[in-house]
Amino acid sequence: MSVSTALALAHDITYLTFTYKEVDNTCLLLDVYLPGHHGQLRPAQRSHISCPVVVYFHGGGLTVGNKRSWFPRWLHRRMTRAGCAFISVEYRLIPPSTGHDVLADVKDAMHFISHKLNSLLLHNHDSDDAEATLPAFTVDSGRVAVVGTSSGGLCAFFAAIHATPRPKAVLSMYGMGGNMLTPHYFMPKKEIFFRGRELLEPVRFSEYLYPASQQLSTTADSPLAYHPSGSPTPGYPANPRMQLARLYFQLGVYLDYYTGYHEPSLSAAIREAYGHSSDLEPESGNSRVDQLRSLVPAESLHLFPQFCVSEPMSESLRWPATLLVHGTADTAICADESRNLYTLLRHAGVDVALRLVQGQEHSFDYVKNAEEIFGGEGGLFGEAAAFLIRHLEA
């Protein structure tokens, strides 16, 4: 595997970029943000820093974004000040990729971080063109936490379930994946449903609709872009991928693109069964969830975190400690997803906590005054960072 490395300085933030994987002539990258010099998680030796690491997965419905998109500066700042490295990972986007590809990328990124990154970090430090002020540091593969926002939460769940070694903690900010067999995913919408935004015209996205979508090139880098102030639609998304997840939700076909099952349509099969599930007799023991689960192809069940929690969980299969944060007014990913996963994990004996933020919509931590609202003493941001620090210290 060829590895590319870059050093960048932006807004006084130093990071190094590495290629963790090459697939379909596409380099998949991750950024490694250096830990602060005076963190509370202190290294054993001052001459060489071996620090815990927080791995972050961006949101975007799995259809848009890159390792710089929706970067959580509030969390990055708190964790690097605590002495952690902070890594932001990109992954292949739907379409033409599927959830199977995203899962493979998450596993490969976690393996790269645990088994290959340190040698590259040390090589970079020892090279002739290395920045003299950069400390020699490596990451402690035994102290890794994963974080994701929105669909990035699903990626964090993938790491918790499938990565080796398993992370020590999971932080999900309004994450997808707690219950993906709800009408939100498979029922067509005829009224405004998503953050008060208008219904989309599918004809404008023809190249992203199956089967034309199969001809798209593999990508993991689709940056956010907006029309300028002088355009007829200032501030409106200029990158069509920014609206794809919303479109697939609107059409009720998200699960087809997620699993790759278009013909026959998985969404259509689930939709039909859901419409008849009220006919089930309670005493039959066959619940609606069981019936809908039976329609998911066996080779795709592992893409649904809700089906990767067993009771009781053995130590080797146990989820890491998990904090689920969700706004109660979220219309992009309903808070019931986090509620459902919380219940499943709690019944399985996992150290799990749920924080419901009253009246907050999707992406509430990115609003302009988020630090004022959530960042004060005893606030949500501090609680989330303290949760990660506590489990990385253990």
Protein backbone atom coordinates (compact mmCIF):
# COMPACT_ATOMS: atom_id res chain seq x y z
CA MET A 1 0.00 0.00 0.00
CA SER A 2 1.37 3.39 -0.90
CA VAL A 3 1.08 5.98 1.83
CA SER A 4 0.88 9.71 1.36
CA THR A 5 1.60 12.13 4.16
CA ALA A 6 0.94 15.82 4.39
CA LEU A 7 1.39 18.40 7.12
CA ALA A 8 -0.97 21.33 7.36
CA LEU A 9 -1.51 24.27 9.64
CA ALA A 10 -4.94 25.89 9.66
CA HIS A 11 -6.43 28.12 12.36
CA ASP A 12 -3.53 27.09 14.63
CA ILE A 13 -4.54 23.43 14.27
CA THR A 14 -1.83 21.02 13.20
CA TYR A 15 -2.70 17.79 11.47
CA LEU A 16 -1.07 15.12 9.35
CA THR A 17 -2.86 13.35 6.50
CA PHE A 18 -2.36 9.68 5.66
CA THR A 19 -3.80 7.30 3.11
CA TYR A 20 -5.17 4.35 5.05
CA LYS A 21 -6.48 2.44 2.05
CA GLU A 22 -6.65 2.44 -1.74
CA VAL A 23 -9.67 0.97 -3.52
CA ASP A 24 -11.07 1.43 -7.03
CA ASN A 25 -8.24 3.87 -7.79
CA THR A 26 -9.41 5.99 -4.87
CA CYS A 27 -7.26 6.95 -1.89
CA LEU A 28 -9.11 6.94 1.41
CA LEU A 29 -7.61 9.46 3.81
CA LEU A 30 -7.58 10.31 7.48
CA ASP A 31 -6.32 13.38 9.30
CA VAL A 32 -4.37 13.01 12.54
CA TYR A 33 -4.65 16.09 14.76
CA LEU A 34 -1.86 16.36 17.29
CA PRO A 35 -2.54 16.21 21.03
CA GLY A 36 -2.03 19.30 23.13
CA HIS A 37 1.29 19.70 24.92
CA HIS A 38 -0.23 19.89 28.39
CA GLY A 39 -3.09 17.44 28.40
CA GLN A 40 -4.55 15.93 31.55
CA LEU A 41 -4.00 12.43 30.12
CA ARG A 42 -0.26 12.60 30.61
CA PRO A 43 2.18 10.34 28.75
CA ALA A 44 4.44 7.96 30.65
CA GLN A 45 7.57 9.57 29.18
CA ARG A 46 8.10 13.18 28.21
CA SER A 47 10.56 12.27 25.46
CA HIS A 48 8.01 10.22 23.59
CA ILE A 49 4.27 10.75 23.75
CA SER A 50 2.07 7.66 23.46
CA CYS A 51 -1.38 9.13 23.68
CA PRO A 52 -4.97 7.95 23.62
CA VAL A 53 -6.91 8.66 20.46
CA VAL A 54 -10.41 9.73 19.49
CA VAL A 55 -11.51 8.57 16.02
CA TYR A 56 -14.22 10.70 14.43
CA PHE A 57 -16.58 9.80 11.56
CA HIS A 58 -18.40 12.61 9.75
CA GLY A 59 -22.10 12.74 8.95
CA GLY A 60 -23.89 13.38 5.68
CA GLY A 61 -26.29 10.46 5.39
CA LEU A 62 -23.37 8.34 4.07
CA THR A 63 -23.89 10.16 0.75
CA VAL A 64 -21.77 13.32 1.08
CA GLY A 65 -18.84 14.79 2.95
CA ASN A 66 -15.20 14.13 3.66
CA LYS A 67 -12.85 14.18 6.64
CA ARG A 68 -13.21 17.97 6.98
CA SER A 69 -17.02 18.09 6.75
CA TRP A 70 -18.99 19.02 9.86
CA PHE A 71 -15.78 18.95 11.87
CA PRO A 72 -16.69 19.06 15.60
CA ARG A 73 -14.33 21.78 16.79
CA TRP A 74 -15.90 21.75 20.25
CA LEU A 75 -14.93 18.11 20.74
CA HIS A 76 -11.57 18.35 18.98
CA ARG A 77 -10.55 21.24 21.22
CA ARG A 78 -11.51 19.50 24.43
CA MET A 79 -9.94 16.16 23.57
CA THR A 80 -6.62 17.48 22.27
CA ARG A 81 -6.32 19.71 25.33
CA ALA A 82 -6.79 16.55 27.38
CA GLY A 83 -3.79 15.00 25.63
CA CYS A 84 -5.57 12.91 23.00
CA ALA A 85 -4.82 12.63 19.33
CA PHE A 86 -7.93 13.31 17.25
CA ILE A 87 -8.39 11.45 13.97
CA SER A 88 -10.99 12.29 11.33
CA VAL A 89 -11.71 9.53 8.82
CA GLU A 90 -13.31 9.56 5.39
CA TYR A 91 -15.07 6.56 3.85
CA ARG A 92 -16.69 5.60 0.56
CA LEU A 93 -20.00 7.28 -0.14
CA ILE A 94 -23.38 5.94 -1.24
CA PRO A 95 -23.91 5.60 -4.20
CA PRO A 96 -22.30 3.77 -5.94
CA SER A 97 -20.87 2.27 -2.76
CA THR A 98 -23.10 0.61 -0.18
CA GLY A 99 -23.16 0.11 3.56
CA HIS A 100 -21.04 -3.00 3.01
CA ASP A 101 -18.27 -0.80 1.62
CA VAL A 102 -18.62 1.72 4.44
CA LEU A 103 -18.29 -1.08 6.99
CA ALA A 104 -15.18 -2.41 5.25
CA ASP A 105 -13.66 1.08 5.30
CA VAL A 106 -14.38 1.55 9.00
CA LYS A 107 -12.75 -1.77 9.83
CA ASP A 108 -9.73 -0.99 7.64
CA ALA A 109 -9.34 2.49 9.12
CA MET A 110 -9.40 1.11 12.65
CA HIS A 111 -6.88 -1.59 11.72
CA PHE A 112 -4.62 1.01 10.12
CA ILE A 113 -4.77 3.19 13.24
CA SER A 114 -3.98 0.27 15.53
CA HIS A 115 -1.32 -1.50 13.48
CA LYS A 116 0.26 0.84 10.91
CA LEU A 117 -0.10 4.46 11.94
CA ASN A 118 2.60 4.56 14.61
CA SER A 119 5.44 3.56 12.30
CA LEU A 120 4.38 6.29 9.89
CA LEU A 121 4.14 8.89 12.65
CA LEU A 122 7.65 8.08 13.83
CA HIS A 123 9.00 8.04 10.28
CA ASN A 124 7.40 11.41 9.63
CA HIS A 125 8.96 12.85 12.78
CA ASP A 126 12.42 11.54 11.92
CA SER A 127 12.36 12.69 8.28
CA ASP A 128 14.55 15.58 7.19
CA ASP A 129 11.60 17.80 6.29
CA ALA A 130 9.69 17.20 9.53
CA GLU A 131 8.50 20.24 11.42
CA ALA A 132 11.04 20.74 14.19
CA THR A 133 8.43 21.81 16.70
CA LEU A 134 6.28 18.69 16.33
CA PRO A 135 6.57 16.28 19.26
CA ALA A 136 7.43 12.65 18.69
CA PHE A 137 4.18 10.87 19.44
CA THR A 138 2.37 7.64 18.74
CA VAL A 139 -1.15 6.49 19.47
CA ASP A 140 -1.98 3.96 22.16
CA SER A 141 -3.99 1.28 20.35
CA GLY A 142 -5.32 0.10 23.69
CA ARG A 143 -6.93 3.48 24.38
CA VAL A 144 -9.15 4.30 21.41
CA ALA A 145 -12.60 5.89 21.48
CA VAL A 146 -14.90 6.39 18.49
CA VAL A 147 -17.26 9.28 17.82
CA GLY A 148 -19.75 9.98 15.06
CA THR A 149 -22.37 12.57 14.22
CA SER A 150 -25.54 11.55 12.36
CA SER A 151 -24.56 8.84 9.86
CA GLY A 152 -21.09 9.02 11.38
CA GLY A 153 -22.71 7.58 14.49
CA LEU A 154 -23.53 4.50 12.43
CA CYS A 155 -19.83 4.28 11.51
CA ALA A 156 -18.93 4.53 15.19
CA PHE A 157 -21.35 1.68 15.91
CA PHE A 158 -19.66 -0.34 13.15
CA ALA A 159 -16.33 0.17 14.92
CA ALA A 160 -17.85 -0.85 18.25
CA ILE A 161 -19.28 -4.04 16.76
CA HIS A 162 -16.78 -5.14 14.13
CA ALA A 163 -13.38 -3.49 14.70
CA THR A 164 -10.40 -5.28 16.21
CA PRO A 165 -9.33 -4.27 18.78
CA ARG A 166 -12.61 -2.88 20.03
CA PRO A 167 -12.68 0.78 21.08
CA LYS A 168 -12.95 1.66 24.76
CA ALA A 169 -15.89 4.03 24.34
CA VAL A 170 -18.48 5.23 21.83
CA LEU A 171 -20.02 8.70 21.60
CA SER A 172 -22.96 9.04 19.22
CA MET A 173 -24.29 12.49 18.44
CA TYR A 174 -27.83 11.98 17.07
CA GLY A 175 -26.53 8.85 15.38
CA MET A 176 -28.21 6.76 12.72
CA GLY A 177 -28.50 3.02 13.26
CA GLY A 178 -30.50 2.56 16.43
CA ASN A 179 -33.56 1.44 14.48
CA MET A 180 -33.36 1.43 10.69
CA LEU A 181 -36.60 -0.45 10.11
CA THR A 182 -38.95 2.47 10.73
CA PRO A 183 -41.20 4.18 8.15
CA HIS A 184 -38.72 7.06 8.02
CA TYR A 185 -36.47 4.81 5.93
CA PHE A 186 -38.92 2.95 3.68
CA MET A 187 -42.18 4.93 3.34
CA PRO A 188 -42.52 7.55 0.54
CA LYS A 189 -43.24 11.07 1.80
CA LYS A 190 -45.80 13.43 0.27
CA GLU A 191 -45.53 16.19 2.85
CA ILE A 192 -42.59 18.14 4.25
CA PHE A 193 -40.81 15.90 6.74
CA PHE A 194 -37.12 16.82 6.90
CA ARG A 195 -36.15 19.88 8.94
CA GLY A 196 -38.97 21.94 7.40
CA ARG A 197 -37.37 21.80 3.96
CA GLU A 198 -39.24 21.46 0.68
CA LEU A 199 -39.81 18.15 -1.06
CA LEU A 200 -37.22 17.49 -3.76
CA GLU A 201 -37.83 16.91 -7.46
CA PRO A 202 -36.31 13.48 -8.27
CA VAL A 203 -35.77 14.42 -11.93
CA ARG A 204 -33.04 16.82 -10.80
CA PHE A 205 -31.07 13.89 -9.38
CA SER A 206 -31.47 11.34 -12.18
CA GLU A 207 -27.79 10.36 -12.25
CA TYR A 208 -27.99 9.44 -8.55
CA LEU A 209 -31.05 7.23 -8.93
CA TYR A 210 -30.83 3.51 -9.61
CA PRO A 211 -29.84 2.12 -12.09
CA ALA A 212 -27.95 5.19 -13.37
CA SER A 213 -26.30 5.53 -9.95
CA GLN A 214 -24.38 2.31 -10.57
CA GLN A 215 -22.30 4.16 -13.16
CA LEU A 216 -21.03 6.77 -10.72
CA SER A 217 -17.35 6.75 -9.83
CA THR A 218 -16.30 5.64 -6.38
CA THR A 219 -15.69 8.60 -4.10
CA ALA A 220 -14.94 9.35 -0.47
CA ASP A 221 -14.44 13.07 -0.99
CA SER A 222 -17.54 15.13 -1.72
CA PRO A 223 -17.11 18.47 0.04
CA LEU A 224 -19.93 20.72 1.09
CA ALA A 225 -20.67 23.52 -1.38
CA TYR A 226 -23.27 26.28 -1.46
CA HIS A 227 -24.45 28.79 -4.06
CA PRO A 228 -22.91 32.25 -3.52
CA SER A 229 -24.81 35.29 -2.30
CA GLY A 230 -25.18 36.68 -5.82
CA SER A 231 -26.93 33.60 -7.20
CA PRO A 232 -30.72 33.18 -7.55
CA THR A 233 -30.59 30.65 -4.69
CA PRO A 234 -27.97 31.98 -2.25
CA GLY A 235 -26.92 29.49 0.40
CA TYR A 236 -28.67 26.59 -1.35
CA PRO A 237 -26.60 23.39 -1.70
CA ALA A 238 -24.51 23.46 -4.87
CA ASN A 239 -23.35 19.88 -4.43
CA PRO A 240 -26.29 17.58 -5.29
CA ARG A 241 -24.93 14.89 -2.97
CA MET A 242 -25.83 17.13 -0.04
CA GLN A 243 -29.50 16.30 -0.66
CA LEU A 244 -29.26 12.63 -1.60
CA ALA A 245 -30.02 11.09 1.79
CA ARG A 246 -33.03 13.36 2.08
CA LEU A 247 -34.15 12.34 -1.41
CA TYR A 248 -33.83 8.63 -0.64
CA PHE A 249 -35.80 9.13 2.59
CA GLN A 250 -38.43 11.05 0.64
CA LEU A 251 -38.76 8.28 -1.94
CA GLY A 252 -38.72 5.60 0.74
CA VAL A 253 -35.78 3.76 -0.81
CA TYR A 254 -32.85 4.53 1.50
CA LEU A 255 -32.42 0.88 2.48
CA ASP A 256 -32.03 -0.15 -1.17
CA TYR A 257 -29.01 2.11 -1.59
CA TYR A 258 -27.70 1.21 1.85
CA THR A 259 -27.77 -2.57 1.35
CA GLY A 260 -27.44 -2.64 -2.45
CA TYR A 261 -30.71 -4.57 -2.83
CA HIS A 262 -32.58 -2.74 -5.60
CA GLU A 263 -33.89 -5.69 -7.61
CA PRO A 264 -35.95 -6.82 -5.90
CA SER A 265 -36.30 -3.73 -3.75
CA LEU A 266 -35.70 -4.36 -0.06
CA SER A 267 -37.60 -1.17 0.77
CA ALA A 268 -40.65 -2.32 -1.20
CA ALA A 269 -40.68 -5.70 0.54
CA ILE A 270 -40.44 -4.11 3.99
CA ARG A 271 -43.07 -1.52 3.07
CA GLU A 272 -45.53 -4.20 2.03
CA ALA A 273 -44.92 -6.30 5.13
CA TYR A 274 -45.24 -3.24 7.35
CA GLY A 275 -48.63 -2.48 5.86
CA HIS A 276 -49.89 -5.95 6.79
CA SER A 277 -48.09 -6.33 10.11
CA SER A 278 -51.09 -5.04 12.07
CA ASP A 279 -52.81 -8.32 11.18
CA LEU A 280 -50.37 -10.27 13.33
CA GLU A 281 -51.85 -11.85 16.43
CA PRO A 282 -50.02 -10.86 19.63
CA GLU A 283 -50.04 -14.42 20.96
CA SER A 284 -48.22 -15.66 17.86
CA GLY A 285 -44.95 -14.34 19.29
CA ASN A 286 -44.02 -12.96 15.89
CA SER A 287 -43.53 -9.24 16.46
CA ARG A 288 -43.47 -6.58 13.78
CA VAL A 289 -39.72 -6.17 14.24
CA ASP A 290 -39.14 -9.91 13.87
CA GLN A 291 -41.17 -9.98 10.68
CA LEU A 292 -39.36 -7.01 9.15
CA ARG A 293 -35.98 -8.37 10.22
CA SER A 294 -36.72 -11.63 8.40
CA LEU A 295 -36.88 -9.68 5.14
CA VAL A 296 -33.33 -8.34 5.47
CA PRO A 297 -30.91 -10.63 3.60
CA ALA A 298 -28.74 -12.55 6.05
CA GLU A 299 -25.56 -11.10 4.56
CA SER A 300 -26.80 -7.57 5.36
CA LEU A 301 -28.03 -8.06 8.93
CA HIS A 302 -24.64 -7.01 10.30
CA LEU A 303 -25.22 -3.56 8.76
CA PHE A 304 -28.03 -2.96 11.26
CA PRO A 305 -26.56 -2.20 14.71
CA GLN A 306 -29.89 -2.96 16.38
CA PHE A 307 -29.46 -6.60 15.34
CA CYS A 308 -25.89 -6.81 16.66
CA VAL A 309 -26.87 -6.65 20.32
CA SER A 310 -27.49 -9.97 22.04
CA GLU A 311 -28.69 -10.81 25.54
CA PRO A 312 -26.65 -11.48 27.52
CA MET A 313 -23.48 -10.35 25.76
CA SER A 314 -20.26 -12.25 26.39
CA GLU A 315 -17.23 -10.24 27.40
CA SER A 316 -15.61 -10.74 23.99
CA LEU A 317 -18.73 -9.47 22.20
CA ARG A 318 -19.72 -6.75 24.64
CA TRP A 319 -20.19 -3.25 23.27
CA PRO A 320 -17.88 -0.59 24.68
CA ALA A 321 -19.23 1.99 27.09
CA THR A 322 -21.63 4.14 25.07
CA LEU A 323 -23.07 7.65 25.36
CA LEU A 324 -26.01 8.42 23.08
CA VAL A 325 -26.91 12.10 22.61
CA HIS A 326 -29.99 13.12 20.63
CA GLY A 327 -32.23 16.16 20.22
CA THR A 328 -35.89 15.42 20.90
CA ALA A 329 -37.02 17.54 17.92
CA ASP A 330 -34.74 15.81 15.40
CA THR A 331 -36.54 15.26 12.07
CA ALA A 332 -33.54 13.95 10.14
CA ILE A 333 -32.74 11.00 12.43
CA CYS A 334 -35.52 10.50 14.95
CA ALA A 335 -34.58 10.41 18.63
CA ASP A 336 -36.40 7.08 18.90
CA GLU A 337 -33.37 5.51 17.19
CA SER A 338 -31.18 6.39 20.16
CA ARG A 339 -33.95 5.45 22.58
CA ASN A 340 -34.25 2.02 20.98
CA LEU A 341 -30.51 1.34 20.96
CA TYR A 342 -30.23 2.52 24.56
CA THR A 343 -32.89 0.00 25.61
CA LEU A 344 -31.20 -2.83 23.72
CA LEU A 345 -27.75 -2.06 25.14
CA ARG A 346 -29.04 -1.62 28.68
CA HIS A 347 -30.81 -4.98 28.56
CA ALA A 348 -27.57 -6.53 27.29
CA GLY A 349 -25.66 -5.23 30.30
CA VAL A 350 -23.68 -2.54 28.48
CA ASP A 351 -22.49 0.59 30.28
CA VAL A 352 -24.75 2.98 28.34
CA ALA A 353 -26.23 6.42 28.94
CA LEU A 354 -28.81 8.40 26.95
CA ARG A 355 -28.92 12.21 26.92
CA LEU A 356 -32.03 13.64 25.27
CA VAL A 357 -31.63 17.35 24.52
CA GLN A 358 -35.06 18.90 24.73
CA GLY A 359 -36.36 20.81 21.71
CA GLN A 360 -33.17 20.45 19.66
CA GLU A 361 -33.06 19.59 15.96
CA HIS A 362 -30.44 17.70 13.99
CA SER A 363 -26.89 19.11 14.12
CA PHE A 364 -27.70 21.30 17.13
CA ASP A 365 -24.05 21.27 18.17
CA TYR A 366 -23.07 23.15 14.99
CA VAL A 367 -25.29 26.21 15.43
CA LYS A 368 -23.43 29.49 15.85
CA ASN A 369 -24.02 29.85 19.58
CA ALA A 370 -23.66 26.16 20.42
CA GLU A 371 -20.65 26.78 22.65
CA GLU A 372 -22.61 29.33 24.66
CA ILE A 373 -25.58 26.97 25.02
CA PHE A 374 -23.82 23.66 25.61
CA GLY A 375 -20.22 24.53 26.44
CA GLY A 376 -20.45 26.10 29.87
CA GLU A 377 -19.57 24.49 33.18
CA GLY A 378 -21.68 21.39 33.66
CA GLY A 379 -22.84 21.57 30.04
CA LEU A 380 -23.35 18.84 27.47
CA PHE A 381 -20.04 19.38 25.69
CA GLY A 382 -18.09 18.98 28.90
CA GLU A 383 -20.09 15.91 29.85
CA ALA A 384 -19.40 14.25 26.49
CA ALA A 385 -15.67 14.98 26.67
CA ALA A 386 -15.48 13.82 30.29
CA PHE A 387 -17.18 10.56 29.33
CA LEU A 388 -14.51 9.86 26.70
CA ILE A 389 -11.64 10.90 28.96
CA ARG A 390 -12.90 8.73 31.81
CA HIS A 391 -12.98 5.60 29.69
CA LEU A 392 -9.69 6.33 27.94
CA GLU A 393 -8.04 6.63 31.35
CA ALA A 394 -9.43 3.30 32.55
